[in-house]
């Protein structure tokens, strides 16, 4: 997971990559590729994910990459 804060919030809320994929109407492999860094999600996708699953959370906090 290249987004440690997102991973933390997902664990706290019991969210899986499968649940995120279903909510965003994408394949689970697509979400896995985003979270592993194999593919980059668009800024629109990041905001859509935040709005649908993490309402009110700071986008920069959720999607800060680990180094």
Protein backbone atom coordinates (compact mmCIF):
# COMPACT_ATOMS: atom_id res chain seq x y z
CA UNK A 1 0.00 0.00 0.00
CA UNK A 2 1.64 3.21 -1.14
CA UNK A 3 -0.95 5.28 0.74
CA UNK A 4 -0.40 4.38 4.42
CA UNK A 5 -3.02 6.81 5.76
CA UNK A 6 -5.64 5.43 3.40
CA UNK A 7 -4.73 1.90 4.48
CA UNK A 8 -5.10 2.89 8.13
CA UNK A 9 -8.55 4.42 7.58
CA UNK A 10 -9.64 1.39 5.53
CA UNK A 11 -8.63 -0.94 8.37
CA UNK A 12 -10.43 1.24 10.93
CA UNK A 13 -13.61 1.14 8.86
CA UNK A 14 -13.30 -2.50 7.83
CA UNK A 15 -13.12 -1.61 4.14
CA UNK A 16 -11.55 -4.00 1.66
CA UNK A 17 -10.20 -3.36 -1.81
CA UNK A 18 -13.13 -5.41 -3.09
CA UNK A 19 -15.62 -3.10 -1.35
CA UNK A 20 -13.90 -0.05 -2.81
CA UNK A 21 -13.92 -1.61 -6.28
CA UNK A 22 -17.63 -2.33 -6.01
CA UNK A 23 -18.43 1.20 -4.82
CA UNK A 24 -16.41 2.74 -7.69
CA UNK A 25 -17.62 0.21 -10.29
CA UNK A 26 -14.11 -0.95 -11.20
CA UNK A 27 -12.36 -4.31 -11.02
CA UNK A 28 -10.69 -5.33 -7.78
CA UNK A 29 -7.41 -5.73 -9.70
CA UNK A 30 -7.63 -2.07 -10.72
CA UNK A 31 -7.84 -0.99 -7.09
CA UNK A 32 -4.96 -3.30 -6.22
CA UNK A 33 -2.87 -1.74 -9.00
CA UNK A 34 -3.59 1.76 -7.66
CA UNK A 35 -2.74 0.84 -4.08
CA UNK A 36 0.46 -0.98 -5.01
CA UNK A 37 1.68 1.83 -7.27
CA UNK A 38 1.61 -0.28 -10.45
CA UNK A 39 -0.85 2.21 -11.96
CA UNK A 40 -1.66 5.76 -10.99
CA UNK A 41 -5.24 6.74 -10.35
CA UNK A 42 -6.50 10.04 -11.71
CA UNK A 43 -7.15 12.95 -9.41
CA UNK A 44 -10.81 12.61 -10.32
CA UNK A 45 -10.79 9.00 -9.11
CA UNK A 46 -9.09 9.99 -5.85
CA UNK A 47 -11.76 12.64 -5.20
CA UNK A 48 -14.54 10.24 -6.20
CA UNK A 49 -13.20 7.62 -3.78
CA UNK A 50 -12.94 10.20 -1.02
CA UNK A 51 -16.45 11.54 -1.66
CA UNK A 52 -18.09 8.10 -1.79
CA UNK A 53 -16.18 6.29 0.97
CA UNK A 54 -14.32 8.81 3.12
CA UNK A 55 -16.61 11.83 3.16
CA UNK A 56 -15.21 14.87 4.91
CA UNK A 57 -11.66 13.52 5.10
CA UNK A 58 -8.71 15.55 3.85
CA UNK A 59 -7.68 14.35 0.38
CA UNK A 60 -4.00 15.10 1.02
CA UNK A 61 -4.06 13.07 4.21
CA UNK A 62 -5.63 10.05 2.51
CA UNK A 63 -3.38 10.03 -0.53
CA UNK A 64 0.01 10.98 0.88
CA UNK A 65 2.46 8.42 -0.49
CA UNK A 66 4.93 6.52 1.64
CA UNK A 67 8.58 7.07 0.87
